[in-house]
Amino acid sequence: MTTIATAPEQLIAESRTRIDAIDDRIIGLIQERMAVSTVIQDARIASGGRRVHLSREMEVLSHWSDALGKPGTALAMTLLELCRGRV
C-alpha cells in the first residue's frame, strides 16, 4: 500500500532538501575561504610576516557579530580556526 504524503510532510521534505543543498554550498564556500586564507598566509610568511594577523581577525569577528549577533561571533571563531590551519 502506497501512502500519499500530506502537504506538511511534503513541505518538510522539500525544505530539508533545500537545506541540504544550502549546506553543501556553505561547505564549498568555507573550503574556498580556507584555500584563499592559505594563499594569504603563505604570502605573509614569505614576506617575513606572521601567519596570523590578529587585527584582521578582530575585523572578521566584528563583521560576523554585527550581522548575526553572539552566535555569529562563535561561528566566526570556528571559521577562523578552520582557515588558520595548524598554528
N, C-alpha and C. Protein backbone atom coordinates (compact mmCIF):
# COMPACT_ATOMS: atom_id res chain seq x y z
N MET A 1 0.84 -1.17 0.00
CA MET A 1 0.00 0.00 0.00
C MET A 1 0.89 1.24 0.00
N THR A 2 0.64 2.15 -0.91
CA THR A 2 1.41 3.38 -1.02
C THR A 2 0.72 4.48 -0.24
N THR A 3 1.51 5.19 0.54
CA THR A 3 0.98 6.30 1.32
C THR A 3 1.26 7.59 0.57
N ILE A 4 0.26 8.41 0.42
CA ILE A 4 0.42 9.71 -0.22
C ILE A 4 0.86 10.70 0.85
N ALA A 5 1.96 11.40 0.57
CA ALA A 5 2.48 12.37 1.54
C ALA A 5 1.50 13.52 1.69
N THR A 6 1.29 13.90 2.92
CA THR A 6 0.42 15.05 3.17
C THR A 6 1.19 16.32 2.84
N ALA A 7 0.46 17.41 2.72
CA ALA A 7 1.08 18.69 2.37
C ALA A 7 2.19 19.08 3.35
N PRO A 8 1.97 19.00 4.68
CA PRO A 8 3.05 19.36 5.60
C PRO A 8 4.27 18.44 5.45
N GLU A 9 4.05 17.14 5.26
CA GLU A 9 5.16 16.21 5.11
C GLU A 9 5.95 16.52 3.85
N GLN A 10 5.25 16.84 2.78
CA GLN A 10 5.92 17.18 1.53
C GLN A 10 6.70 18.49 1.67
N LEU A 11 6.09 19.46 2.32
CA LEU A 11 6.76 20.74 2.55
C LEU A 11 8.03 20.55 3.36
N ILE A 12 7.94 19.73 4.41
CA ILE A 12 9.11 19.46 5.25
C ILE A 12 10.19 18.75 4.45
N ALA A 13 9.83 17.75 3.67
CA ALA A 13 10.81 17.02 2.86
C ALA A 13 11.48 17.93 1.84
N GLU A 14 10.71 18.75 1.17
CA GLU A 14 11.26 19.67 0.18
C GLU A 14 12.16 20.72 0.85
N SER A 15 11.75 21.19 2.01
CA SER A 15 12.55 22.18 2.73
C SER A 15 13.85 21.58 3.22
N ARG A 16 13.82 20.33 3.66
CA ARG A 16 15.05 19.66 4.09
C ARG A 16 16.00 19.46 2.92
N THR A 17 15.47 19.18 1.76
CA THR A 17 16.29 19.06 0.56
C THR A 17 16.96 20.39 0.25
N ARG A 18 16.21 21.48 0.38
CA ARG A 18 16.79 22.82 0.16
C ARG A 18 17.88 23.11 1.18
N ILE A 19 17.63 22.77 2.45
CA ILE A 19 18.64 22.99 3.49
C ILE A 19 19.91 22.20 3.18
N ASP A 20 19.76 20.95 2.75
CA ASP A 20 20.93 20.14 2.40
C ASP A 20 21.72 20.79 1.27
N ALA A 21 21.03 21.33 0.28
CA ALA A 21 21.70 22.00 -0.84
C ALA A 21 22.41 23.27 -0.36
N ILE A 22 21.76 24.02 0.51
CA ILE A 22 22.38 25.23 1.07
C ILE A 22 23.61 24.85 1.87
N ASP A 23 23.50 23.81 2.70
CA ASP A 23 24.65 23.36 3.49
C ASP A 23 25.82 22.98 2.58
N ASP A 24 25.53 22.29 1.48
CA ASP A 24 26.59 21.93 0.53
C ASP A 24 27.27 23.17 -0.04
N ARG A 25 26.49 24.20 -0.34
CA ARG A 25 27.07 25.45 -0.84
C ARG A 25 27.92 26.13 0.23
N ILE A 26 27.42 26.14 1.47
CA ILE A 26 28.17 26.75 2.57
C ILE A 26 29.50 26.02 2.76
N ILE A 27 29.47 24.69 2.75
CA ILE A 27 30.70 23.91 2.89
C ILE A 27 31.67 24.25 1.77
N GLY A 28 31.17 24.34 0.56
CA GLY A 28 32.02 24.70 -0.58
C GLY A 28 32.63 26.08 -0.41
N LEU A 29 31.86 27.03 0.07
CA LEU A 29 32.37 28.38 0.30
C LEU A 29 33.42 28.40 1.41
N ILE A 30 33.21 27.60 2.44
CA ILE A 30 34.19 27.53 3.53
C ILE A 30 35.49 26.92 3.00
N GLN A 31 35.38 25.89 2.19
CA GLN A 31 36.58 25.30 1.61
C GLN A 31 37.30 26.31 0.71
N GLU A 32 36.56 27.08 -0.03
CA GLU A 32 37.16 28.13 -0.86
C GLU A 32 37.84 29.17 0.01
N ARG A 33 37.19 29.57 1.10
CA ARG A 33 37.77 30.56 2.02
C ARG A 33 39.05 30.02 2.63
N MET A 34 39.07 28.74 2.98
CA MET A 34 40.26 28.12 3.55
C MET A 34 41.42 28.18 2.55
N ALA A 35 41.14 27.93 1.28
CA ALA A 35 42.18 27.96 0.25
C ALA A 35 42.72 29.38 0.07
N VAL A 36 41.84 30.37 0.05
CA VAL A 36 42.28 31.76 -0.10
C VAL A 36 43.09 32.19 1.12
N SER A 37 42.65 31.77 2.30
CA SER A 37 43.37 32.09 3.52
C SER A 37 44.79 31.50 3.49
N THR A 38 44.93 30.31 2.97
CA THR A 38 46.24 29.69 2.85
C THR A 38 47.15 30.51 1.94
N VAL A 39 46.61 31.02 0.85
CA VAL A 39 47.39 31.86 -0.07
C VAL A 39 47.88 33.10 0.67
N ILE A 40 46.99 33.73 1.42
CA ILE A 40 47.35 34.93 2.17
C ILE A 40 48.43 34.62 3.21
N GLN A 41 48.23 33.54 3.95
CA GLN A 41 49.20 33.16 4.98
C GLN A 41 50.56 32.87 4.37
N ASP A 42 50.58 32.13 3.28
CA ASP A 42 51.85 31.81 2.62
C ASP A 42 52.56 33.08 2.15
N ALA A 43 51.80 34.02 1.58
CA ALA A 43 52.40 35.28 1.11
C ALA A 43 52.93 36.09 2.29
N ARG A 44 52.17 36.12 3.37
CA ARG A 44 52.59 36.88 4.54
C ARG A 44 53.88 36.30 5.13
N ILE A 45 53.95 34.97 5.24
CA ILE A 45 55.13 34.31 5.78
C ILE A 45 56.32 34.51 4.85
N ALA A 46 56.10 34.40 3.55
CA ALA A 46 57.18 34.57 2.57
C ALA A 46 57.79 35.98 2.63
N SER A 47 56.98 36.94 3.04
CA SER A 47 57.48 38.31 3.12
C SER A 47 58.00 38.66 4.51
N GLY A 48 58.14 37.64 5.36
CA GLY A 48 58.71 37.85 6.69
C GLY A 48 57.69 38.16 7.77
N GLY A 49 56.41 38.08 7.44
CA GLY A 49 55.38 38.38 8.43
C GLY A 49 54.93 37.14 9.18
N ARG A 50 53.95 37.35 10.01
CA ARG A 50 53.36 36.27 10.78
C ARG A 50 52.21 35.65 10.01
N ARG A 51 51.93 34.41 10.28
CA ARG A 51 50.84 33.73 9.60
C ARG A 51 49.48 34.33 9.99
N VAL A 52 49.30 34.62 11.28
CA VAL A 52 48.02 35.13 11.77
C VAL A 52 48.13 36.63 11.99
N HIS A 53 47.14 37.36 11.51
CA HIS A 53 47.08 38.81 11.65
C HIS A 53 45.90 39.11 12.58
N LEU A 54 46.19 39.32 13.86
CA LEU A 54 45.14 39.41 14.87
C LEU A 54 44.17 40.57 14.65
N SER A 55 44.65 41.71 14.18
CA SER A 55 43.72 42.83 13.97
C SER A 55 42.74 42.50 12.85
N ARG A 56 43.20 41.76 11.85
CA ARG A 56 42.29 41.33 10.78
C ARG A 56 41.25 40.35 11.33
N GLU A 57 41.69 39.45 12.20
CA GLU A 57 40.75 38.51 12.79
C GLU A 57 39.70 39.24 13.62
N MET A 58 40.08 40.29 14.30
CA MET A 58 39.11 41.08 15.06
C MET A 58 38.09 41.74 14.13
N GLU A 59 38.54 42.20 12.95
CA GLU A 59 37.62 42.76 11.96
C GLU A 59 36.60 41.71 11.52
N VAL A 60 37.09 40.50 11.27
CA VAL A 60 36.21 39.41 10.84
C VAL A 60 35.19 39.10 11.94
N LEU A 61 35.66 38.99 13.18
CA LEU A 61 34.75 38.71 14.30
C LEU A 61 33.68 39.80 14.43
N SER A 62 34.09 41.03 14.30
CA SER A 62 33.15 42.15 14.40
C SER A 62 32.11 42.09 13.28
N HIS A 63 32.57 41.79 12.08
CA HIS A 63 31.66 41.71 10.93
C HIS A 63 30.58 40.64 11.15
N TRP A 64 30.99 39.47 11.59
CA TRP A 64 30.05 38.37 11.82
C TRP A 64 29.13 38.68 13.01
N SER A 65 29.70 39.28 14.05
CA SER A 65 28.90 39.64 15.22
C SER A 65 27.85 40.68 14.86
N ASP A 66 28.24 41.67 14.07
CA ASP A 66 27.28 42.71 13.65
C ASP A 66 26.15 42.10 12.83
N ALA A 67 26.47 41.11 12.01
CA ALA A 67 25.47 40.52 11.13
C ALA A 67 24.57 39.51 11.84
N LEU A 68 25.15 38.74 12.79
CA LEU A 68 24.40 37.62 13.36
C LEU A 68 24.35 37.59 14.88
N GLY A 69 24.91 38.60 15.53
CA GLY A 69 24.89 38.63 16.99
C GLY A 69 25.90 37.66 17.59
N LYS A 70 25.67 37.30 18.84
CA LYS A 70 26.60 36.44 19.57
C LYS A 70 26.86 35.11 18.86
N PRO A 71 25.84 34.44 18.31
CA PRO A 71 26.12 33.21 17.57
C PRO A 71 27.03 33.44 16.36
N GLY A 72 26.96 34.64 15.77
CA GLY A 72 27.84 34.96 14.66
C GLY A 72 29.30 35.00 15.09
N THR A 73 29.54 35.49 16.30
CA THR A 73 30.90 35.52 16.83
C THR A 73 31.43 34.10 16.98
N ALA A 74 30.61 33.21 17.53
CA ALA A 74 31.03 31.81 17.70
C ALA A 74 31.28 31.16 16.35
N LEU A 75 30.43 31.44 15.40
CA LEU A 75 30.59 30.90 14.06
C LEU A 75 31.88 31.42 13.42
N ALA A 76 32.14 32.70 13.58
CA ALA A 76 33.36 33.30 13.03
C ALA A 76 34.60 32.71 13.68
N MET A 77 34.55 32.46 14.97
CA MET A 77 35.70 31.85 15.65
C MET A 77 36.00 30.48 15.05
N THR A 78 34.96 29.70 14.80
CA THR A 78 35.14 28.39 14.19
C THR A 78 35.69 28.53 12.78
N LEU A 79 35.17 29.47 12.04
CA LEU A 79 35.64 29.72 10.68
C LEU A 79 37.12 30.13 10.68
N LEU A 80 37.49 31.02 11.57
CA LEU A 80 38.88 31.44 11.67
C LEU A 80 39.78 30.27 12.04
N GLU A 81 39.32 29.44 12.94
CA GLU A 81 40.09 28.27 13.34
C GLU A 81 40.31 27.33 12.15
N LEU A 82 39.26 27.12 11.37
CA LEU A 82 39.38 26.28 10.17
C LEU A 82 40.37 26.87 9.16
N CYS A 83 40.35 28.18 9.03
CA CYS A 83 41.16 28.84 7.99
C CYS A 83 42.59 29.09 8.41
N ARG A 84 42.88 29.06 9.70
CA ARG A 84 44.25 29.25 10.17
C ARG A 84 45.13 28.06 9.84
N GLY A 85 44.54 26.91 9.81
CA GLY A 85 45.35 25.71 9.67
C GLY A 85 46.08 25.45 10.98
N ARG A 86 47.13 24.71 10.92
CA ARG A 86 47.89 24.42 12.13
C ARG A 86 48.76 25.62 12.49
N VAL A 87 48.57 26.11 13.68
CA VAL A 87 49.36 27.28 14.14
C VAL A 87 50.53 26.79 14.95
